[in-house]
Amino acid sequence: MGTMSAEYVRAPIHALSLEEKEEISRRISAMRAGITRGRRYRAIARALSKHGLLHLFQDRGRLRLFGRRARAEEDELRQIGRRLRLVFEELGPTFIKLGQVLVTRQELIPEPITQELAELLDEVPPMPFPYLAAVMEDELPGGLDTFEWIDPDPIGSASLAQVYKAKLKDGRLCAVKVVRPLVGDLFQTDIAIIRRLVRRIQRRLPPRLAASVDLPGLIDDYYSSSKNELDMRIEARNMEEHRRIAAEFETLHVPTIYEVTEHVLVMEYIDGWNLKEFPVDFLDFEERFTRMVDLAHYYIKTFVEGFYHADPHGSNIMIDRHSRKAVMLDWGMVGRMDSLHTEAIFRMLLHCRLNQAEDAAEAALDIIQPTVYTNPIHLKDQLRSMLIHYVNSEQASRYNWGNMVIQIITIGMKNACRIPNGLALWAKGFSAAEGTARWLCPEITYHTVVESADVQILRRWLGRRFNYRANASLVSETAKLIGTLPRRLNKILDRLVWNDLKLVVEGRLSPDVVRSTNRMVSRFTLGLMSAGFFVGGAVLVSSGPAGLAVVPGGRGLAAAVLWGSAVLALGVLWSAFRSRRQG
């Protein structure tokens, strides 16, 4: 296959021959046939066993993983994180992406583990060029003839896709992003397995933790986001949407899209450096400051509108050596969050900067949702105590705003609050935006730049609250209320006159209470059975040799009944002990 790759590019590119297509198709079909649930289960079990992590599926291991055991030493947790990272890298794209999502859930996973998972390698060895060439040949209308030439050595090789430098027939340089073959099949198979394992873990979490953690929901969000990354048409739509948002900023640019299919994206090639590598003297202070302000205001604009880019770090922003603009790349991990949540976050930030910790705490309570296990007074007191540290904080300190949102999530988790699934990724994006600002212009505080956009934030809030759609909905609901109120009042008064007014009260138990009650009933039943067996065995034994002789095999039966009662009693005690430890 390597010689085939050389033939493509040293000469002008030609379509794959029928024999080459059949050979590649045969190999891909053989690899696809090997992606089955049974084989993936075995691969997962082997990887976990190889790195000594099977104990995480036991109750004690789960509690340690989710940070509920303070006695777990930091070195031990770091070792678990290192082993998890190796397992995820060994199991491939689905688990690499899962690990990257878990990094954002610092309220769920202890920090030593997330620090290790943050080192997950998304750069993986590239697949041979012919496999990706076959994808281009099948999906692009012009096949490989779309290009004058294409470099077979990728300029980027990630777990989901590879990127190549090429030249179109009209002379424009382009970057070609191609999804790896079989990644979709691997995702479908792995996600089905992960969902089953996560449902099992969710059922066995302590009730207080289960009330605030929705692991199946987290996996569904992750799966939806990752599936979007496999469809280049969705990435292209994200790019077009954010090009519209960034249009008002002169120093920002989103690459132009030349052609897109489900698995191939042909876009403008950017000749420059990423933000962490561009020469310091390439831009003077004023140019760096202008780009930082534009980036900050762009991010604020997207955040307020409910968008988030979960990965706007320095490596995904390039400085074009020709236009000198900041070019934003990699639009796979993009999502949306309820605009009311983002509004509450910015209200909290603005209150915090004015030393209004009480109002900031009230805004934070619009973000996280208390449950029946939450002590509201204790929760609010913790939020106030935390928020006071961020009044005059700077972006370079540990009291940066991205960290503040993470702290709110952590406090919410400790107080058994339900956390919106998209909030952690939003916080990661906000924190990465702060890091980008530090790289680009460390002389200026990002917080000050955000405050300079308060008019823009207020204008967008008011625009959402008082636009014609919201007003039309308000008028419609009011008209319905006024039109139906007399009829509804007459019905109520008629029932009062005839003494026929009834209120139906239905009591429902939460799933946790139902499970706890079922466990108690099961233990009670087993306890009664154990006592009955013990009494029966004791009666047989106390009847003496004459009594035992009457019952066939009486001596063995008496011994079996007594031992059975002992085993049942031990089982009941062990079940109660485990429940006590989990609680």
Protein backbone atom coordinates (compact mmCIF):
# COMPACT_ATOMS: atom_id res chain seq x y z
CA MET A 1 0.00 0.00 0.00
CA GLY A 2 2.98 2.33 0.59
CA THR A 3 4.10 2.19 -3.05
CA MET A 4 0.57 2.97 -4.15
CA SER A 5 0.73 6.14 -2.00
CA ALA A 6 3.94 7.31 -3.72
CA GLU A 7 2.42 6.91 -7.18
CA TYR A 8 -0.44 9.24 -6.35
CA VAL A 9 1.39 12.35 -5.60
CA ARG A 10 4.73 12.40 -7.34
CA ALA A 11 2.76 12.73 -10.60
CA PRO A 12 -0.55 14.56 -11.15
CA ILE A 13 -3.34 12.77 -9.29
CA HIS A 14 -5.49 10.29 -11.15
CA ALA A 15 -8.56 8.37 -10.06
CA LEU A 16 -7.98 5.07 -8.30
CA SER A 17 -8.04 2.10 -10.59
CA LEU A 18 -10.77 -0.48 -10.22
CA GLU A 19 -8.26 -2.98 -8.82
CA GLU A 20 -7.03 -0.51 -6.20
CA LYS A 21 -10.59 0.32 -5.15
CA GLU A 22 -11.48 -3.36 -4.80
CA GLU A 23 -8.36 -4.07 -2.75
CA ILE A 24 -9.02 -1.17 -0.36
CA SER A 25 -12.72 -2.07 -0.14
CA ARG A 26 -11.83 -5.68 0.69
CA ARG A 27 -9.47 -4.61 3.48
CA ILE A 28 -11.98 -2.16 4.95
CA SER A 29 -14.73 -4.80 4.85
CA ALA A 30 -12.45 -7.25 6.66
CA MET A 31 -11.69 -4.65 9.36
CA ARG A 32 -15.38 -3.75 9.66
CA ALA A 33 -16.30 -7.40 10.17
CA GLY A 34 -13.92 -7.43 13.13
CA ILE A 35 -15.80 -4.62 14.90
CA THR A 36 -18.37 -6.55 16.92
CA ARG A 37 -19.69 -6.06 20.44
CA GLY A 38 -18.22 -9.33 21.60
CA ARG A 39 -14.73 -8.46 20.39
CA ARG A 40 -14.94 -4.93 21.77
CA TYR A 41 -16.12 -6.27 25.16
CA ARG A 42 -13.10 -8.56 25.20
CA ALA A 43 -10.78 -5.73 24.12
CA ILE A 44 -12.14 -3.47 26.89
CA ALA A 45 -11.82 -6.23 29.50
CA ARG A 46 -8.26 -7.01 28.36
CA ALA A 47 -7.24 -3.35 28.50
CA LEU A 48 -8.76 -2.83 31.96
CA SER A 49 -7.21 -6.05 33.25
CA LYS A 50 -3.83 -5.26 31.67
CA HIS A 51 -3.68 -1.90 33.44
CA GLY A 52 -5.20 -3.13 36.71
CA LEU A 53 -8.48 -1.19 36.58
CA LEU A 54 -11.19 -3.87 36.76
CA HIS A 55 -11.71 -2.94 40.43
CA LEU A 56 -13.32 0.35 39.30
CA PHE A 57 -16.49 -1.61 38.51
CA GLN A 58 -16.75 -2.69 42.14
CA ASP A 59 -18.53 -0.46 44.66
CA ARG A 60 -15.36 0.64 46.41
CA GLY A 61 -13.64 1.46 43.11
CA ARG A 62 -16.60 3.49 41.86
CA LEU A 63 -16.66 5.58 45.02
CA ARG A 64 -12.97 6.29 44.69
CA LEU A 65 -13.31 7.21 41.01
CA PHE A 66 -16.10 9.69 41.74
CA GLY A 67 -14.19 11.29 44.57
CA ARG A 68 -16.43 10.15 47.44
CA ARG A 69 -13.57 8.69 49.51
CA ALA A 70 -11.40 11.38 51.04
CA ARG A 71 -8.99 8.69 52.25
CA ALA A 72 -7.86 7.92 48.71
CA GLU A 73 -4.30 9.23 48.45
CA GLU A 74 -3.45 11.71 45.70
CA ASP A 75 -0.65 9.47 44.37
CA GLU A 76 -3.08 6.56 44.14
CA LEU A 77 -5.61 8.70 42.24
CA ARG A 78 -2.91 9.97 39.92
CA GLN A 79 -1.91 6.37 39.23
CA ILE A 80 -5.55 5.52 38.42
CA GLY A 81 -5.68 8.52 36.06
CA ARG A 82 -2.47 7.45 34.32
CA ARG A 83 -3.78 3.92 33.84
CA LEU A 84 -7.14 5.22 32.57
CA ARG A 85 -5.32 7.40 30.05
CA LEU A 86 -3.36 4.39 28.76
CA VAL A 87 -6.57 2.32 28.54
CA PHE A 88 -8.38 5.04 26.57
CA GLU A 89 -5.46 5.51 24.18
CA GLU A 90 -5.27 1.75 23.64
CA LEU A 91 -9.03 1.42 22.95
CA GLY A 92 -9.06 4.14 20.29
CA PRO A 93 -11.13 7.14 19.12
CA THR A 94 -14.35 6.59 21.10
CA PHE A 95 -12.54 6.31 24.40
CA ILE A 96 -10.06 9.10 23.63
CA LYS A 97 -13.00 11.46 23.06
CA LEU A 98 -14.72 10.12 26.19
CA GLY A 99 -11.60 10.87 28.21
CA GLN A 100 -11.46 14.40 26.83
CA VAL A 101 -15.06 14.94 27.94
CA LEU A 102 -14.37 13.52 31.41
CA VAL A 103 -11.55 16.07 31.80
CA THR A 104 -14.21 18.79 31.83
CA ARG A 105 -16.18 17.10 34.64
CA GLN A 106 -13.90 18.05 37.51
CA GLU A 107 -16.90 18.05 39.84
CA LEU A 108 -17.30 14.31 39.15
CA ILE A 109 -13.74 13.06 38.85
CA PRO A 110 -10.98 13.89 41.37
CA GLU A 111 -8.48 16.46 40.11
CA PRO A 112 -5.43 14.12 40.07
CA ILE A 113 -7.32 11.86 37.63
CA THR A 114 -8.47 14.70 35.36
CA GLN A 115 -4.91 16.09 35.25
CA GLU A 116 -3.69 12.78 33.88
CA LEU A 117 -6.59 12.46 31.42
CA ALA A 118 -5.80 15.97 30.13
CA GLU A 119 -2.67 14.45 28.56
CA LEU A 120 -4.69 12.13 26.33
CA LEU A 121 -3.06 11.98 22.93
CA ASP A 122 -5.47 12.85 20.15
CA GLU A 123 -2.55 12.76 17.71
CA VAL A 124 -2.36 9.16 16.53
CA PRO A 125 -0.35 7.39 13.81
CA PRO A 126 -1.93 8.13 10.40
CA MET A 127 -3.71 5.54 8.31
CA PRO A 128 -2.05 4.86 4.95
CA PHE A 129 -2.98 7.47 2.34
CA PRO A 130 -4.81 5.08 -0.06
CA TYR A 131 -7.56 4.42 2.52
CA LEU A 132 -8.29 8.16 2.79
CA ALA A 133 -7.88 8.57 -0.98
CA ALA A 134 -10.64 5.98 -1.44
CA VAL A 135 -12.96 8.07 0.75
CA MET A 136 -12.20 11.18 -1.35
CA GLU A 137 -12.64 9.24 -4.58
CA ASP A 138 -16.07 7.98 -3.45
CA GLU A 139 -17.48 11.21 -2.02
CA LEU A 140 -16.08 14.17 -3.95
CA PRO A 141 -17.95 14.76 -7.24
CA GLY A 142 -14.66 15.03 -9.09
CA GLY A 143 -12.90 12.39 -7.00
CA LEU A 144 -9.15 12.84 -6.76
CA ASP A 145 -9.29 14.81 -10.01
CA THR A 146 -10.58 17.69 -7.88
CA PHE A 147 -6.94 18.40 -7.00
CA GLU A 148 -3.91 19.28 -9.05
CA TRP A 149 -1.81 17.61 -6.35
CA ILE A 150 -2.14 16.43 -2.77
CA ASP A 151 0.59 15.70 -0.25
CA PRO A 152 0.19 12.09 0.98
CA ASP A 153 1.82 12.96 4.32
CA PRO A 154 -0.91 14.45 6.54
CA ILE A 155 -0.31 17.80 8.23
CA GLY A 156 -2.55 16.56 11.06
CA SER A 157 -3.56 13.08 12.16
CA ALA A 158 -6.16 12.87 14.95
CA SER A 159 -8.24 9.98 16.24
CA LEU A 160 -11.22 10.87 14.03
CA ALA A 161 -9.78 12.47 10.90
CA GLN A 162 -6.63 13.30 8.94
CA VAL A 163 -5.82 16.61 7.24
CA TYR A 164 -3.84 16.95 4.00
CA LYS A 165 -2.41 19.91 2.12
CA ALA A 166 -3.50 20.07 -1.52
CA LYS A 167 -3.89 22.36 -4.51
CA LEU A 168 -7.13 22.73 -6.43
CA LYS A 169 -7.27 22.81 -10.22
CA ASP A 170 -7.84 26.59 -10.13
CA GLY A 171 -4.55 27.09 -8.27
CA ARG A 172 -5.89 27.68 -4.73
CA LEU A 173 -4.12 25.92 -1.88
CA CYS A 174 -6.51 24.03 0.38
CA ALA A 175 -6.66 21.84 3.46
CA VAL A 176 -8.53 18.57 3.03
CA LYS A 177 -10.01 17.03 6.18
CA VAL A 178 -11.02 13.39 5.74
CA VAL A 179 -12.79 11.23 8.33
CA ARG A 180 -11.01 7.93 8.89
CA PRO A 181 -12.79 4.86 7.50
CA LEU A 182 -14.51 2.65 10.12
CA VAL A 183 -14.56 5.36 12.83
CA GLY A 184 -18.37 5.55 12.60
CA ASP A 185 -18.73 1.76 13.00
CA LEU A 186 -16.36 1.80 15.97
CA PHE A 187 -18.32 4.64 17.59
CA GLN A 188 -21.66 2.86 17.20
CA THR A 189 -20.33 -0.35 18.74
CA ASP A 190 -18.38 1.27 21.56
CA ILE A 191 -21.15 3.67 22.56
CA ALA A 192 -23.64 0.81 22.90
CA ILE A 193 -21.21 -0.89 25.30
CA ILE A 194 -20.43 2.32 27.21
CA ARG A 195 -24.13 3.09 27.63
CA ARG A 196 -24.77 -0.33 29.13
CA LEU A 197 -21.85 -0.03 31.55
CA VAL A 198 -22.84 3.51 32.55
CA ARG A 199 -26.46 2.52 33.24
CA ARG A 200 -25.14 -0.21 35.50
CA ILE A 201 -22.88 2.25 37.35
CA GLN A 202 -25.72 4.81 37.66
CA ARG A 203 -28.02 2.23 39.30
CA ARG A 204 -25.40 1.40 41.90
CA LEU A 205 -24.43 4.94 42.86
CA PRO A 206 -25.41 6.14 46.37
CA PRO A 207 -28.85 7.87 46.23
CA ARG A 208 -27.43 11.31 47.12
CA LEU A 209 -24.84 11.13 44.35
CA ALA A 210 -27.27 9.59 41.85
CA ALA A 211 -29.70 12.50 42.42
CA SER A 212 -27.13 15.02 41.16
CA VAL A 213 -25.33 12.94 38.52
CA ASP A 214 -26.93 11.87 35.25
CA LEU A 215 -24.24 9.62 33.77
CA PRO A 216 -26.49 8.26 30.95
CA GLY A 217 -27.38 11.86 30.02
CA LEU A 218 -23.69 12.79 29.99
CA ILE A 219 -22.93 9.88 27.66
CA ASP A 220 -25.83 10.80 25.36
CA ASP A 221 -24.55 14.38 25.12
CA TYR A 222 -21.04 13.11 24.46
CA TYR A 223 -22.29 10.70 21.81
CA SER A 224 -24.33 13.39 20.06
CA SER A 225 -21.37 15.79 20.05
CA SER A 226 -18.94 13.14 18.83
CA LYS A 227 -21.29 12.00 16.05
CA ASN A 228 -21.39 15.61 14.88
CA GLU A 229 -17.60 15.56 14.61
CA LEU A 230 -17.89 12.62 12.21
CA ASP A 231 -20.12 14.58 9.81
CA MET A 232 -18.17 17.23 7.94
CA ARG A 233 -21.42 18.85 6.77
CA ILE A 234 -22.26 19.73 10.38
CA GLU A 235 -18.76 21.13 10.90
CA ALA A 236 -19.19 23.20 7.72
CA ARG A 237 -22.52 24.57 9.02
CA ASN A 238 -20.83 25.48 12.32
CA MET A 239 -18.12 27.32 10.40
CA GLU A 240 -20.67 29.26 8.34
CA GLU A 241 -22.65 30.17 11.45
CA HIS A 242 -19.56 31.43 13.27
CA ARG A 243 -18.34 33.27 10.16
CA ARG A 244 -21.59 35.23 10.36
CA ILE A 245 -21.04 35.95 14.06
CA ALA A 246 -17.40 36.99 13.50
CA ALA A 247 -18.15 39.18 10.47
CA GLU A 248 -18.17 42.40 12.53
CA PHE A 249 -14.61 41.82 13.80
CA GLU A 250 -11.96 43.01 11.32
CA THR A 251 -9.06 41.02 12.77
CA LEU A 252 -10.84 37.61 12.90
CA HIS A 253 -11.36 35.07 10.16
CA VAL A 254 -12.98 31.65 9.70
CA PRO A 255 -11.56 29.58 6.79
CA THR A 256 -13.59 29.59 3.58
CA ILE A 257 -15.22 26.28 2.63
CA TYR A 258 -14.65 25.15 -0.95
CA GLU A 259 -16.45 21.80 -0.92
CA VAL A 260 -18.00 19.48 1.64
CA THR A 261 -19.47 15.98 1.80
CA GLU A 262 -20.34 13.76 4.75
CA HIS A 263 -16.74 12.64 5.32
CA VAL A 264 -14.62 15.17 3.37
CA LEU A 265 -14.17 18.90 3.99
CA VAL A 266 -12.15 20.98 1.53
CA MET A 267 -11.38 24.42 2.94
CA GLU A 268 -9.00 27.34 2.69
CA TYR A 269 -5.38 26.58 3.62
CA ILE A 270 -3.97 28.94 6.26
CA ASP A 271 -0.28 29.72 6.00
CA GLY A 272 0.87 30.88 9.42
CA TRP A 273 1.59 29.90 13.01
CA ASN A 274 -0.67 28.78 15.81
CA LEU A 275 -1.06 31.18 18.70
CA LYS A 276 1.55 29.48 20.87
CA GLU A 277 4.25 29.51 18.20
CA PHE A 278 3.99 32.73 16.19
CA PRO A 279 7.07 35.03 16.38
CA VAL A 280 6.73 37.57 19.16
CA ASP A 281 7.85 40.46 16.95
CA PHE A 282 5.43 39.58 14.11
CA LEU A 283 2.68 41.65 15.75
CA ASP A 284 3.27 44.79 17.76
CA PHE A 285 1.45 45.52 21.03
CA GLU A 286 -1.40 47.42 19.38
CA GLU A 287 -2.05 44.60 16.89
CA ARG A 288 -1.99 41.96 19.64
CA PHE A 289 -4.31 44.07 21.81
CA THR A 290 -6.78 44.60 18.94
CA ARG A 291 -6.93 40.88 18.20
CA MET A 292 -7.35 40.03 21.87
CA VAL A 293 -10.25 42.49 22.24
CA ASP A 294 -11.89 41.16 19.07
CA LEU A 295 -11.48 37.55 20.20
CA ALA A 296 -12.85 38.33 23.67
CA HIS A 297 -15.87 40.18 22.28
CA TYR A 298 -16.46 37.45 19.71
CA TYR A 299 -16.42 34.77 22.42
CA ILE A 300 -18.77 36.83 24.59
CA LYS A 301 -21.12 37.27 21.64
CA THR A 302 -21.20 33.52 21.00
CA PHE A 303 -21.56 32.66 24.70
CA VAL A 304 -24.45 35.10 25.19
CA GLU A 305 -26.23 33.66 22.15
CA GLY A 306 -25.97 30.21 23.73
CA PHE A 307 -23.16 28.80 21.55
CA TYR A 308 -19.96 27.41 22.92
CA HIS A 309 -16.75 26.24 21.30
CA ALA A 310 -15.43 23.70 23.79
CA ASP A 311 -11.86 23.84 22.49
CA PRO A 312 -10.78 27.43 21.62
CA HIS A 313 -7.21 26.92 22.88
CA GLY A 314 -4.10 28.44 21.34
CA SER A 315 -3.42 25.50 19.02
CA ASN A 316 -6.80 26.00 17.32
CA ILE A 317 -6.11 29.66 16.52
CA MET A 318 -3.60 30.65 13.85
CA ILE A 319 -2.05 33.97 12.92
CA ASP A 320 -2.11 34.24 9.12
CA ARG A 321 1.28 35.46 7.89
CA HIS A 322 -0.35 37.27 4.94
CA SER A 323 -3.54 38.89 6.31
CA ARG A 324 -2.17 38.99 9.92
CA LYS A 325 -5.65 37.98 11.10
CA ALA A 326 -6.45 35.52 13.88
CA VAL A 327 -7.95 32.47 12.14
CA MET A 328 -10.16 30.10 14.16
CA LEU A 329 -9.89 26.40 13.32
CA ASP A 330 -11.41 23.02 14.29
CA TRP A 331 -15.16 23.44 14.59
CA GLY A 332 -16.02 19.87 15.58
CA MET A 333 -16.64 20.25 19.33
CA VAL A 334 -19.25 23.03 19.16
CA GLY A 335 -22.52 23.00 21.03
CA ARG A 336 -25.36 25.07 22.42
CA MET A 337 -26.62 25.74 25.92
CA ASP A 338 -29.86 27.26 27.17
CA SER A 339 -29.55 31.02 26.74
CA LEU A 340 -31.14 31.54 30.17
CA HIS A 341 -28.23 29.66 31.74
CA THR A 342 -25.68 31.77 29.90
CA GLU A 343 -27.58 34.91 30.91
CA ALA A 344 -27.40 33.80 34.55
CA ILE A 345 -23.64 33.16 34.23
CA PHE A 346 -22.95 36.68 32.95
CA ARG A 347 -25.24 38.22 35.57
CA MET A 348 -23.23 36.34 38.17
CA LEU A 349 -19.93 37.61 36.72
CA LEU A 350 -21.07 41.22 36.69
CA HIS A 351 -22.45 41.04 40.25
CA CYS A 352 -19.23 39.41 41.41
CA ARG A 353 -17.05 42.20 39.99
CA LEU A 354 -19.19 44.74 41.90
CA ASN A 355 -18.66 42.83 45.19
CA GLN A 356 -22.34 41.83 45.25
CA ALA A 357 -21.78 38.25 46.41
CA GLU A 358 -25.38 37.82 47.58
CA ASP A 359 -26.77 38.72 44.15
CA ALA A 360 -24.07 36.63 42.46
CA ALA A 361 -25.09 33.62 44.57
CA GLU A 362 -28.74 34.13 43.57
CA ALA A 363 -27.69 34.16 39.91
CA ALA A 364 -25.64 30.97 40.47
CA LEU A 365 -28.78 29.27 41.81
CA ASP A 366 -30.36 29.88 38.40
CA ILE A 367 -27.58 27.75 36.89
CA ILE A 368 -27.52 24.70 39.18
CA GLN A 369 -30.69 22.94 40.30
CA PRO A 370 -31.09 21.86 43.97
CA THR A 371 -32.54 18.40 44.66
CA VAL A 372 -34.34 16.90 47.66
CA TYR A 373 -30.93 16.18 49.22
CA THR A 374 -29.79 19.83 49.04
CA ASN A 375 -29.58 22.12 52.07
CA PRO A 376 -30.33 25.52 50.43
CA ILE A 377 -28.93 27.60 53.30
CA HIS A 378 -25.66 25.67 53.37
CA LEU A 379 -25.41 25.79 49.55
CA LYS A 380 -25.94 29.55 49.36
CA ASP A 381 -23.45 30.18 52.15
CA GLN A 382 -20.78 28.16 50.31
CA LEU A 383 -21.45 30.04 47.08
CA ARG A 384 -21.13 33.43 48.79
CA SER A 385 -17.88 32.40 50.48
CA MET A 386 -16.43 31.24 47.17
CA LEU A 387 -17.60 34.14 45.02
CA ILE A 388 -16.07 36.77 47.29
CA HIS A 389 -12.60 35.62 46.15
CA TYR A 390 -13.34 36.66 42.55
CA VAL A 391 -14.19 40.32 43.19
CA ASN A 392 -10.81 41.72 42.08
CA SER A 393 -9.34 38.59 40.53
CA GLU A 394 -7.04 38.56 37.50
CA GLN A 395 -6.88 36.15 34.58
CA ALA A 396 -3.40 34.92 35.53
CA SER A 397 -4.46 33.94 39.06
CA ARG A 398 -6.20 30.73 40.05
CA TYR A 399 -9.31 32.88 40.61
CA ASN A 400 -10.00 33.28 36.90
CA TRP A 401 -13.57 33.21 35.65
CA GLY A 402 -13.37 29.85 33.93
CA ASN A 403 -12.28 28.37 37.26
CA MET A 404 -15.17 30.15 39.00
CA VAL A 405 -17.74 28.31 36.88
CA ILE A 406 -15.95 25.02 37.62
CA GLN A 407 -16.05 25.86 41.34
CA ILE A 408 -19.80 26.51 41.15
CA ILE A 409 -20.27 23.11 39.49
CA THR A 410 -18.13 21.48 42.21
CA ILE A 411 -20.05 23.15 45.05
CA GLY A 412 -23.31 22.17 43.39
CA MET A 413 -22.19 18.54 43.21
CA LYS A 414 -21.12 18.50 46.87
CA ASN A 415 -24.57 19.78 47.78
CA ALA A 416 -26.37 17.20 45.61
CA CYS A 417 -27.50 19.72 42.95
CA ARG A 418 -28.30 18.66 39.40
CA ILE A 419 -25.80 20.19 36.94
CA PRO A 420 -26.78 21.01 33.31
CA ASN A 421 -24.84 18.60 31.09
CA GLY A 422 -23.57 21.31 28.72
CA LEU A 423 -22.32 23.57 31.51
CA ALA A 424 -18.96 21.84 32.00
CA LEU A 425 -18.08 22.07 28.29
CA TRP A 426 -19.21 25.72 28.31
CA ALA A 427 -16.91 26.36 31.28
CA LYS A 428 -14.05 24.62 29.49
CA GLY A 429 -14.57 26.86 26.47
CA PHE A 430 -14.70 29.99 28.62
CA SER A 431 -11.54 28.97 30.49
CA ALA A 432 -9.74 28.21 27.21
CA ALA A 433 -10.74 31.66 25.92
CA GLU A 434 -9.05 33.20 28.97
CA GLY A 435 -5.93 31.15 28.26
CA THR A 436 -5.96 32.37 24.65
CA ALA A 437 -6.09 35.96 25.90
CA ARG A 438 -3.06 35.37 28.13
CA TRP A 439 -1.05 34.00 25.21
CA LEU A 440 -2.00 36.81 22.87
CA CYS A 441 -1.77 39.85 25.13
CA PRO A 442 -0.69 39.13 28.73
CA GLU A 443 -0.34 42.87 29.42
CA ILE A 444 -4.14 43.35 29.49
CA THR A 445 -6.55 41.64 31.91
CA TYR A 446 -9.19 39.56 30.17
CA HIS A 447 -11.70 40.38 32.89
CA THR A 448 -11.47 44.08 32.04
CA VAL A 449 -12.05 43.31 28.37
CA VAL A 450 -15.15 41.25 29.24
CA GLU A 451 -16.48 44.12 31.34
CA SER A 452 -16.08 46.45 28.35
CA ALA A 453 -18.69 44.34 26.56
CA ASP A 454 -21.40 44.88 29.19
CA VAL A 455 -23.41 47.10 26.82
CA GLN A 456 -23.31 44.36 24.17
CA ILE A 457 -24.41 41.78 26.75
CA LEU A 458 -27.28 43.97 27.99
CA ARG A 459 -28.42 44.75 24.45
CA ARG A 460 -28.62 41.05 23.59
CA TRP A 461 -30.49 40.24 26.80
CA LEU A 462 -33.07 42.91 26.12
CA GLY A 463 -33.27 41.87 22.46
CA ARG A 464 -34.18 38.33 23.51
CA ARG A 465 -36.65 39.45 26.15
CA PHE A 466 -38.49 41.98 24.03
CA ASN A 467 -38.31 40.76 20.46
CA TYR A 468 -41.48 40.36 18.45
CA ARG A 469 -41.57 36.56 18.84
CA ALA A 470 -41.48 36.80 22.63
CA ASN A 471 -44.12 39.55 22.56
CA ALA A 472 -46.32 37.56 20.17
CA SER A 473 -46.13 34.56 22.50
CA LEU A 474 -46.97 36.76 25.50
CA VAL A 475 -49.97 38.31 23.71
CA SER A 476 -51.18 34.89 22.58
CA GLU A 477 -50.98 33.38 26.09
CA THR A 478 -52.67 36.45 27.62
CA ALA A 479 -55.50 36.32 25.04
CA LYS A 480 -56.05 32.64 25.77
CA LEU A 481 -56.18 33.31 29.52
CA ILE A 482 -58.67 36.19 29.14
CA GLY A 483 -60.84 34.30 26.65
CA THR A 484 -61.12 31.10 28.72
CA LEU A 485 -61.15 32.58 32.24
CA PRO A 486 -64.98 33.18 32.48
CA ARG A 487 -65.77 29.64 31.36
CA ARG A 488 -63.26 28.09 33.77
CA LEU A 489 -64.52 30.22 36.67
CA ASN A 490 -68.13 29.18 35.93
CA LYS A 491 -67.14 25.51 36.07
CA ILE A 492 -65.41 25.98 39.41
CA LEU A 493 -68.37 27.90 40.88
CA ASP A 494 -70.84 25.27 39.64
CA ARG A 495 -68.91 22.54 41.41
CA LEU A 496 -68.74 24.62 44.58
CA VAL A 497 -72.52 25.14 44.51
CA TRP A 498 -73.15 21.40 44.18
CA ASN A 499 -70.42 20.59 46.71
CA ASP A 500 -68.63 18.60 44.02
CA LEU A 501 -65.20 20.30 44.04
CA LYS A 502 -62.48 17.68 44.34
CA LEU A 503 -58.71 17.86 44.57
CA VAL A 504 -56.87 14.74 43.48
CA VAL A 505 -53.64 14.26 45.41
CA GLU A 506 -51.31 11.58 44.10
CA GLY A 507 -48.21 10.64 46.03
CA ARG A 508 -45.26 9.28 44.10
CA LEU A 509 -42.07 7.81 45.46
CA SER A 510 -38.77 8.58 43.81
CA PRO A 511 -36.95 5.68 42.09
CA ASP A 512 -34.30 5.79 44.85
CA VAL A 513 -36.95 5.34 47.56
CA VAL A 514 -38.56 2.50 45.59
CA ARG A 515 -35.20 0.75 45.23
CA SER A 516 -34.40 1.26 48.92
CA THR A 517 -37.82 -0.10 49.91
CA ASN A 518 -37.41 -3.13 47.65
CA ARG A 519 -34.01 -3.84 49.18
CA MET A 520 -35.44 -3.57 52.71
CA VAL A 521 -38.33 -5.91 51.85
CA SER A 522 -35.91 -8.39 50.26
CA ARG A 523 -33.66 -8.36 53.32
CA PHE A 524 -36.63 -8.75 55.65
CA THR A 525 -37.92 -11.70 53.61
CA LEU A 526 -34.49 -13.35 53.58
CA GLY A 527 -34.20 -12.72 57.32
CA LEU A 528 -37.56 -14.44 57.94
CA MET A 529 -36.49 -17.36 55.73
CA SER A 530 -33.21 -17.62 57.61
CA ALA A 531 -35.03 -17.61 60.96
CA GLY A 532 -37.54 -20.21 59.71
CA PHE A 533 -34.78 -22.51 58.43
CA PHE A 534 -32.91 -22.12 61.72
CA VAL A 535 -36.00 -22.95 63.81
CA GLY A 536 -36.83 -25.94 61.58
CA GLY A 537 -33.28 -27.26 61.75
CA ALA A 538 -33.16 -26.74 65.51
CA VAL A 539 -36.44 -28.65 65.96
CA LEU A 540 -35.06 -31.55 63.91
CA VAL A 541 -31.83 -31.66 65.90
CA SER A 542 -33.61 -31.36 69.27
CA SER A 543 -35.90 -34.29 68.43
CA GLY A 544 -32.93 -36.59 69.01
CA PRO A 545 -31.93 -39.79 67.16
CA ALA A 546 -35.47 -41.18 67.31
CA GLY A 547 -36.97 -38.11 65.70
CA LEU A 548 -34.26 -37.91 63.02
CA ALA A 549 -34.83 -41.56 62.16
CA VAL A 550 -38.47 -40.84 61.31
CA VAL A 551 -37.51 -38.35 58.58
CA PRO A 552 -35.61 -39.91 55.62
CA GLY A 553 -32.09 -38.51 55.62
CA GLY A 554 -33.05 -36.53 58.69
CA ARG A 555 -29.53 -35.88 59.96
CA GLY A 556 -28.28 -34.55 56.60
CA LEU A 557 -31.46 -32.51 56.14
CA ALA A 558 -31.07 -30.89 59.57
CA ALA A 559 -27.43 -29.99 58.82
CA ALA A 560 -28.35 -28.57 55.39
CA VAL A 561 -31.18 -26.44 56.87
CA LEU A 562 -28.93 -25.05 59.62
CA TRP A 563 -26.11 -24.23 57.19
CA GLY A 564 -28.62 -22.69 54.77
CA SER A 565 -29.99 -20.43 57.49
CA ALA A 566 -26.42 -19.36 58.36
CA VAL A 567 -25.62 -18.51 54.72
CA LEU A 568 -28.85 -16.49 54.35
CA ALA A 569 -28.13 -14.60 57.57
CA LEU A 570 -24.60 -13.77 56.42
CA GLY A 571 -25.96 -12.59 53.05
CA VAL A 572 -28.43 -10.23 54.77
CA LEU A 573 -25.69 -8.84 57.03
CA TRP A 574 -23.28 -8.34 54.11
CA SER A 575 -25.96 -6.56 52.04
CA ALA A 576 -26.75 -4.20 54.95
CA PHE A 577 -23.02 -3.54 55.49
CA ARG A 578 -22.48 -2.64 51.81
CA SER A 579 -25.49 -0.29 51.78
CA ARG A 580 -24.20 1.44 54.91
CA ARG A 581 -20.78 1.99 53.30
CA GLN A 582 -22.31 3.34 50.09
CA GLY A 583 -24.49 5.76 52.04
